[in-house]
Protein backbone atom coordinates (compact mmCIF):
# COMPACT_ATOMS: atom_id res chain seq x y z
CA MET A 1 -12.94 145.21 134.40
CA THR A 2 -13.00 148.68 132.89
CA ASP A 3 -14.77 147.38 129.78
CA LEU A 4 -17.91 146.44 131.70
CA PRO A 5 -20.86 148.48 130.39
CA VAL A 6 -22.08 151.57 132.17
CA GLU A 7 -25.35 151.19 134.08
CA CYS A 8 -25.18 147.48 134.81
CA PHE A 9 -26.36 145.44 137.74
CA ILE A 10 -23.84 143.21 139.48
CA ILE A 11 -25.53 140.04 140.71
CA GLN A 12 -23.85 137.62 143.11
CA ARG A 13 -24.89 133.99 143.43
CA LEU A 14 -26.17 133.23 146.94
CA GLN A 15 -25.01 130.11 148.74
CA GLU A 16 -28.57 129.10 149.62
CA GLY A 17 -29.72 129.61 146.04
CA GLY A 18 -30.77 132.62 144.02
CA TRP A 19 -28.98 135.88 143.33
CA ARG A 20 -28.35 139.18 145.12
CA VAL A 21 -27.83 142.66 143.66
CA ILE A 22 -24.51 144.15 144.81
CA HIS A 23 -24.11 147.35 142.80
CA ARG A 24 -25.64 149.45 140.11
CA ARG A 25 -22.97 151.98 139.23
CA ALA A 26 -20.66 153.01 136.42
CA ASP A 27 -17.36 152.75 138.33
CA LEU A 28 -16.83 149.04 139.02
CA THR A 29 -13.09 149.07 139.73
CA ASP A 30 -13.55 148.71 143.50
CA LEU A 31 -15.62 145.53 143.35
CA PRO A 32 -14.22 142.59 145.35
CA ILE A 33 -12.89 139.62 143.41
CA ALA A 34 -15.74 137.09 143.27
CA ASP A 35 -17.97 135.12 140.96
CA PHE A 36 -20.67 137.43 139.77
CA VAL A 37 -22.81 138.32 136.79
CA SER A 38 -23.40 141.72 135.25
CA TYR A 39 -26.78 142.65 133.85
CA ARG A 40 -27.15 144.80 130.74
CA ASP A 41 -30.32 145.88 128.95
CA ALA A 42 -32.36 143.01 130.45
CA GLU A 43 -31.00 140.70 127.75
CA GLU A 44 -27.23 140.12 127.85
CA TRP A 45 -25.33 138.69 130.76
CA VAL A 46 -21.57 138.59 131.26
CA ASN A 47 -20.10 135.97 133.59
CA TRP A 48 -16.83 136.92 135.29
CA LYS A 49 -14.52 135.01 137.61
CA SER A 50 -11.60 136.70 139.40
CA GLY A 51 -11.97 139.63 137.02
CA THR A 52 -11.57 137.49 133.88
CA PRO A 53 -14.40 136.99 131.35
CA ARG A 54 -15.40 133.53 130.19
CA THR A 55 -14.37 132.39 126.72
CA ASN A 56 -18.04 132.68 125.73
CA PRO A 57 -19.19 135.48 128.04
CA TYR A 58 -22.74 135.98 126.76
CA VAL A 59 -25.62 133.94 128.08
CA THR A 60 -29.32 134.69 128.21
CA ALA A 61 -31.31 135.82 131.21
CA ASN A 62 -33.20 132.51 131.11
CA GLU A 63 -29.92 130.62 131.51
CA ILE A 64 -28.95 132.69 134.54
CA PHE A 65 -32.33 132.31 136.21
CA SER A 66 -32.92 128.72 135.12
CA GLN A 67 -33.41 127.63 138.73
CA PRO A 68 -37.19 127.24 139.04
CA ARG A 69 -38.97 128.21 142.24
CA LEU A 70 -39.55 124.72 143.57
CA VAL A 71 -40.84 125.38 147.09
CA GLU A 72 -43.49 127.62 148.60
CA ILE A 73 -44.50 128.64 152.08
CA ALA A 74 -47.51 130.59 153.33
CA ILE A 75 -47.01 133.41 155.84
CA GLU A 76 -49.31 135.80 157.68
CA PRO A 77 -48.35 138.95 159.62
CA LYS A 78 -49.26 138.88 163.30
CA SER A 79 -50.33 142.53 163.48
CA LYS A 80 -51.36 145.45 161.28
CA ALA A 81 -48.00 147.09 161.92
CA ASP A 82 -46.20 143.96 160.76
CA ALA A 83 -48.40 143.82 157.66
CA GLU A 84 -47.27 147.30 156.61
CA LYS A 85 -43.60 146.49 157.21
CA LEU A 86 -43.90 143.10 155.52
CA GLY A 87 -44.94 144.54 152.18
CA ILE A 88 -41.93 146.87 152.09
CA ALA A 89 -39.54 144.14 153.25
CA LEU A 90 -40.71 141.60 150.67
CA ALA A 91 -40.45 144.16 147.88
CA LYS A 92 -36.82 144.80 148.85
CA LEU A 93 -36.02 141.09 149.10
CA GLY A 94 -37.56 140.50 145.68
CA ALA A 95 -35.57 143.35 144.14
CA GLU A 96 -32.33 141.91 145.54
CA ASP A 97 -32.95 138.30 144.52
CA ALA A 98 -34.59 137.44 141.20
CA ALA A 99 -35.02 133.78 142.23
CA PHE A 100 -37.26 134.82 145.15
CA GLY A 101 -40.91 135.58 144.52
CA MET A 102 -44.26 136.01 146.21
CA SER A 103 -47.95 135.98 145.40
CA ILE A 104 -51.29 136.31 147.16
CA ASP A 105 -53.43 133.18 147.32
CA PRO A 106 -56.77 134.20 145.75
CA GLU A 107 -58.81 132.08 148.18
CA SER A 108 -57.03 132.30 151.55
CA ARG A 109 -55.48 135.75 150.89
CA GLN A 110 -52.29 134.40 152.45
CA ILE A 111 -48.90 135.63 151.24
CA ILE A 112 -47.08 132.80 149.44
CA LEU A 113 -43.28 133.02 149.39
CA LYS A 114 -41.56 131.13 146.57
CA GLY A 115 -37.94 130.04 146.32
CA VAL A 116 -35.52 127.54 144.82
CA SER A 117 -34.96 125.49 147.98
CA GLU A 118 -35.89 125.03 151.61
CA LEU A 119 -32.66 126.76 152.65
CA HIS A 120 -33.41 129.65 150.30
CA LEU A 121 -36.75 130.40 151.99
CA ASP A 122 -35.29 129.82 155.47
CA ALA A 123 -32.74 132.52 154.70
CA LYS A 124 -35.50 134.96 153.68
CA LEU A 125 -37.49 134.29 156.84
CA GLU A 126 -34.35 134.81 158.90
CA THR A 127 -33.75 138.13 157.13
CA LEU A 128 -37.32 139.24 157.87
CA GLY A 129 -36.67 138.71 161.57
CA ARG A 130 -33.09 139.96 161.79
CA THR A 131 -33.23 142.96 159.46
CA TYR A 132 -36.88 144.02 159.56
CA ASP A 133 -37.98 142.76 162.99
CA ILE A 134 -40.92 140.83 161.49
CA ASP A 135 -41.91 137.44 162.89
CA PRO A 136 -44.83 136.19 160.74
CA THR A 137 -46.88 133.07 161.28
CA VAL A 138 -45.36 130.48 158.94
CA GLY A 139 -47.13 127.51 157.34
CA ALA A 140 -45.68 124.18 156.29
CA LEU A 141 -43.22 124.05 153.42
CA GLN A 142 -44.93 123.04 150.18
CA VAL A 143 -43.72 121.73 146.84
CA ALA A 144 -44.38 123.94 143.80
CA PHE A 145 -46.18 121.44 141.58
CA ARG A 146 -47.02 122.18 137.95
CA GLU A 147 -49.65 120.96 135.48
CA ARG A 148 -49.29 119.92 131.85
CA ILE A 149 -51.64 118.66 129.16
CA THR A 150 -51.00 115.27 127.56
CA ARG A 151 -52.77 115.58 124.19
CA PRO A 152 -54.28 118.19 121.81
CA ALA A 153 -57.84 119.36 122.32
CA GLU A 154 -60.29 122.02 121.17
CA ALA A 155 -63.03 123.88 123.02
CA GLU A 156 -65.43 126.71 122.24
CA TYR A 157 -67.36 129.04 124.52
CA ILE A 158 -69.99 131.64 123.72
CA TYR A 159 -70.45 134.35 126.33
CA LYS A 160 -73.78 136.10 125.93
CA LYS A 161 -75.56 138.36 128.38
CA GLN A 162 -78.53 140.62 127.72
CA SER A 163 -80.27 142.56 130.48
CA GLY A 164 -81.56 145.67 128.78
CA GLY A 165 -79.45 148.19 126.91
CA THR A 166 -76.04 147.15 125.66
CA GLY A 167 -75.39 143.47 126.16
CA ARG A 168 -72.25 141.38 126.29
CA PHE A 169 -71.17 138.99 123.60
CA ALA A 170 -68.02 137.08 122.68
CA ALA A 171 -67.37 133.69 121.10
CA VAL A 172 -63.95 132.05 121.32
CA LYS A 173 -62.68 128.72 119.99
CA LEU A 174 -59.26 127.56 121.18
CA ARG A 175 -56.96 124.69 120.35
CA VAL A 176 -54.34 123.49 122.84
CA GLU A 177 -51.46 121.08 122.40
CA PRO A 178 -48.40 120.13 124.44
CA ASN A 179 -45.32 122.25 123.83
CA GLU A 180 -41.79 120.83 124.01
CA PRO A 181 -40.53 120.39 127.60
CA GLY A 182 -38.96 123.61 128.81
CA LYS A 183 -40.46 125.74 126.01
CA GLY A 184 -43.17 127.26 128.19
CA TYR A 185 -46.37 128.89 126.95
CA ARG A 186 -46.96 130.11 123.39
CA PHE A 187 -50.05 131.86 122.03
CA GLU A 188 -50.90 132.26 118.36
CA SER A 189 -53.94 133.74 116.63
CA ARG A 190 -54.91 132.00 113.39
CA ILE A 191 -57.94 134.11 112.54
CA ALA A 192 -58.49 137.21 110.44
CA ASP A 193 -59.35 140.63 111.86
CA SER A 194 -62.78 140.28 110.28
CA THR A 195 -63.49 137.27 112.52
CA VAL A 196 -62.38 138.93 115.77
CA PRO A 197 -61.00 142.49 115.62
CA LYS A 198 -57.41 142.74 116.82
CA GLU A 199 -58.34 145.13 119.66
CA PHE A 200 -60.04 142.17 121.39
CA ILE A 201 -57.02 139.83 121.15
CA PRO A 202 -55.31 141.23 124.31
CA GLY A 203 -58.47 140.40 126.27
CA ILE A 204 -58.33 136.82 124.97
CA GLU A 205 -54.66 136.53 125.93
CA LYS A 206 -55.38 137.92 129.39
CA GLY A 207 -58.09 135.33 129.93
CA ILE A 208 -55.81 132.52 128.77
CA GLU A 209 -52.95 133.61 131.02
CA SER A 210 -55.21 133.86 134.07
CA VAL A 211 -56.27 130.22 133.62
CA LEU A 212 -52.71 129.03 132.97
CA SER A 213 -51.61 130.53 136.29
CA SER A 214 -54.02 128.19 138.11
CA GLY A 215 -54.75 124.95 136.26
CA VAL A 216 -57.73 122.60 136.38
CA VAL A 217 -56.10 119.66 138.19
CA ALA A 218 -55.09 121.22 141.50
CA GLY A 219 -54.71 124.94 140.88
CA PHE A 220 -51.01 124.91 139.96
CA PRO A 221 -49.50 126.76 136.95
CA VAL A 222 -49.75 125.07 133.56
CA ILE A 223 -46.43 124.72 131.72
CA ASP A 224 -45.24 123.85 128.22
CA ILE A 225 -48.43 124.49 126.28
CA LYS A 226 -49.36 125.96 122.89
CA VAL A 227 -52.69 127.79 122.69
CA GLU A 228 -54.15 128.77 119.32
CA LEU A 229 -57.14 130.99 118.66
CA ILE A 230 -58.80 129.20 115.74
CA ASP A 231 -62.23 130.84 115.54
CA GLY A 232 -64.48 133.38 117.14
CA LYS A 233 -67.39 135.76 116.71
CA TYR A 234 -68.10 139.29 117.83
CA HIS A 235 -70.95 141.81 117.91
CA ASP A 236 -70.55 145.39 116.72
CA THR A 237 -71.97 146.91 119.93
CA ASP A 238 -72.08 144.14 122.53
CA SER A 239 -68.50 142.85 122.30
CA SER A 240 -65.63 144.11 124.47
CA ALA A 241 -62.17 143.05 125.61
CA LEU A 242 -63.68 141.97 128.94
CA ALA A 243 -66.30 139.80 127.22
CA PHE A 244 -63.58 138.06 125.20
CA GLU A 245 -61.48 137.61 128.34
CA ILE A 246 -64.39 135.83 130.05
CA ALA A 247 -65.07 133.66 126.99
CA ALA A 248 -61.38 132.74 126.65
CA ARG A 249 -61.18 131.70 130.31
CA ALA A 250 -64.15 129.37 129.98
CA ALA A 251 -62.97 127.92 126.66
CA LEU A 252 -59.48 127.22 127.98
CA ARG A 253 -60.72 125.52 131.15
CA ASP A 254 -62.81 123.20 128.99
CA ALA A 255 -59.87 122.56 126.64
CA LEU A 256 -57.53 121.73 129.53
CA GLN A 257 -60.01 119.16 130.82
CA LYS A 258 -60.34 117.57 127.38
CA ALA A 259 -56.55 117.58 126.95
CA GLU A 260 -56.19 115.36 130.04
CA SER A 261 -54.08 117.62 132.23
CA VAL A 262 -51.80 115.89 134.72
CA LEU A 263 -50.04 117.02 137.87
CA LEU A 264 -46.24 117.30 137.68
CA GLU A 265 -43.74 117.13 140.52
CA PRO A 266 -40.12 118.38 140.52
CA ILE A 267 -37.51 115.63 140.32
CA MET A 268 -34.12 116.32 141.87
CA ARG A 269 -30.72 114.96 140.92
CA VAL A 270 -29.31 113.85 144.29
CA GLU A 271 -25.72 112.97 145.15
CA VAL A 272 -24.96 111.34 148.51
CA VAL A 273 -21.36 111.01 149.74
CA THR A 274 -21.18 108.43 152.51
CA PRO A 275 -18.87 106.00 154.31
CA GLU A 276 -19.21 102.54 152.77
CA ASP A 277 -20.64 100.99 155.94
CA CYS A 278 -23.76 103.20 155.55
CA ILE A 279 -24.53 102.38 151.91
CA GLY A 280 -27.24 99.80 152.64
CA SER A 281 -29.21 102.06 154.97
CA ILE A 282 -28.99 105.02 152.61
CA LEU A 283 -30.05 103.02 149.56
CA GLY A 284 -33.04 101.73 151.50
CA ASP A 285 -33.97 105.26 152.53
CA LEU A 286 -33.71 106.55 148.96
CA ASN A 287 -35.93 103.71 147.80
CA LEU A 288 -38.59 104.67 150.37
CA ARG A 289 -38.39 108.22 149.02
CA ARG A 290 -39.23 106.92 145.52
CA GLY A 291 -35.65 107.46 144.43
CA ARG A 292 -34.31 105.90 141.23
CA LEU A 293 -30.67 104.88 141.51
CA GLN A 294 -28.52 106.33 138.70
CA GLY A 295 -25.19 104.85 139.71
CA GLN A 296 -22.51 104.45 142.38
CA ASP A 297 -18.87 105.50 142.46
CA THR A 298 -16.05 106.04 144.95
CA ARG A 299 -14.36 109.24 146.00
CA GLY A 300 -11.35 108.57 148.20
CA ASN A 301 -12.57 106.54 151.17
CA PHE A 302 -16.22 107.40 150.51
CA ALA A 303 -18.95 105.99 148.30
CA VAL A 304 -20.90 108.31 146.00
CA ILE A 305 -24.56 107.48 145.29
CA ASN A 306 -26.42 109.25 142.49
CA ALA A 307 -30.20 109.10 142.29
CA MET A 308 -33.29 110.89 140.98
CA VAL A 309 -35.70 111.67 143.83
CA PRO A 310 -38.99 113.63 143.92
CA LEU A 311 -38.48 116.87 145.84
CA MET A 312 -41.59 116.33 147.98
CA ASN A 313 -39.90 113.24 149.43
CA MET A 314 -36.61 114.98 150.23
CA PHE A 315 -38.05 117.02 153.09
CA GLY A 316 -36.44 115.87 156.33
CA CYS A 317 -33.63 114.09 154.50
CA VAL A 318 -30.90 116.09 156.27
CA ASN A 319 -31.82 114.81 159.72
CA ASP A 320 -32.44 111.24 158.53
CA LEU A 321 -29.12 111.11 156.72
CA ARG A 322 -27.30 112.45 159.75
CA ALA A 323 -28.89 109.80 161.96
CA MET A 324 -28.09 106.92 159.58
CA SER A 325 -24.45 107.93 159.16
CA GLN A 326 -23.70 109.39 162.58
CA GLY A 327 -23.16 112.72 160.87
CA ARG A 328 -20.57 111.41 158.40
CA ALA A 329 -22.62 111.49 155.16
CA THR A 330 -23.56 114.56 153.13
CA PHE A 331 -25.80 115.15 150.15
CA THR A 332 -26.41 117.76 147.47
CA MET A 333 -29.34 118.08 145.11
CA GLN A 334 -30.35 120.18 142.13
CA PHE A 335 -33.46 120.38 140.00
CA ASP A 336 -33.45 118.07 136.98
CA HIS A 337 -36.94 117.94 135.47
CA TYR A 338 -40.69 117.76 136.10
CA ALA A 339 -42.45 114.38 135.88
CA PRO A 340 -46.05 113.21 136.37
CA ALA A 341 -46.88 112.73 140.04
CA PRO A 342 -48.31 109.29 140.90
CA PRO A 343 -51.87 108.94 142.19
CA PRO A 344 -51.97 108.92 146.02
CA GLU A 345 -52.96 105.26 146.18
CA HIS A 346 -49.70 104.30 144.43
CA ASP A 347 -47.60 106.13 146.99
CA PRO A 348 -48.76 105.28 150.53
CA PRO A 349 -45.63 106.35 152.50
CA PHE A 350 -46.05 110.00 151.49
CA ARG A 351 -48.74 112.65 151.43
CA PRO A 352 -50.76 113.00 148.21
CA ALA A 353 -49.82 115.91 146.00
CA MET A 354 -53.26 117.48 146.35
CA GLY A 355 -52.60 118.02 150.04
CA MET A 356 -49.37 119.90 149.52
CA ARG A 357 -50.85 123.26 148.55
CA ALA A 358 -50.50 125.96 151.21
């Protein structure tokens, strides 16, 4: 392990999901034997097992942190003292685990914790109590839905304000189209500097990104989208980066509506290992959870059921599975893909997606 680079982070995979920083030091010879990943220059990752590098040791940061934050929970401190401690504690937890995140809800001002699984967030809440002596008020666990457009669209907005003295002016025309699944957001300007000076482009990008963080369907982030700046106008004295930011926000909201945005839910690949006498009950339960059977197999004296199930319908599955099998069945699940969520009227056994936001 002496050939590991100087100044690297050592990240250990957590059992409940996510990663934890172990060391940042040059001398790594005293590290325990374990599966871990070293971080170098924010770009290259080296995967080691029992001190031996993989045949192909280099992977990208996106591959390491490919686990999306699928669940959210709202918390509120119970006192001013807790509020001060909570900010420090969450900053430390976020620094230790790149799969854990937080944000402030712009409307409720609640703190929203984000993680890869229910167990992942449970572990963070337990750490807040055990390590930092913080017991916040905790809301219901929510699914991290996403939004995506279904077709190309264009929209234009002219922002003009004149109230004496210098006014405000910006005109922006945007084109949006779906990006390939998993490719994320891409912005491109197709206009000349004479149409909109380049110093105003960052303002346009800022406006676009603010809208993409909270879409037009239900306020969830928009994924896999291409946004092109295809036209615009400016005024020599009245235009500013802020004016173009405002115009870009309005134009993009209009474009997202025209592009027929839809709500997406995370779909999990679920494997259930169960005694054969419980197969019927478990298949029926998976069907009620909108599961799609992918196949069955055997493993020793047990049956193995593979299915695709929406994450929002997996809440409470642990207790139900235990009851159906008298504690003999187990299941694992991992994120597979996002898919359009059905309208509430097509899914009566479960809560509508719009009601899942914290």
